[in-house]
Amino acid sequence: MKSIIQWLSILPALLASTLAQAQFTYSTNGGVISVTGYSGAGGAVAISNFVNNIGPGAFENRSSITSITIPISVTNCKRRSKTVAGSRM
């Protein structure tokens, strides 16, 4: 019974993580994981720490994004990853 209660206590965090990941599209190439698109509502966006690259145009024309948190695991960000009101990331 105790293990069921423990499982239920972490379930909301697991669901939130899954829902957040569903907002992104990814590609893989030789073990490198890239964000290739975003379809979420906007606001403050956080990229997961398993991502290595941000592909070109991944956040293009997403004016609802107010900030993007990029983890240290991201070692490459392609040009034009984000365009909002004429400014580029």
Foldseek 3Di string as FASTA:
>chain_A
DVVVVVVVVCVVVVVVVVVLPVQFDWDDDPLAIETAAGRDPAEEREDDLSHAEYDACRAEPVQRHPYYHYDPNHDYYDWNSYAHPRDTD
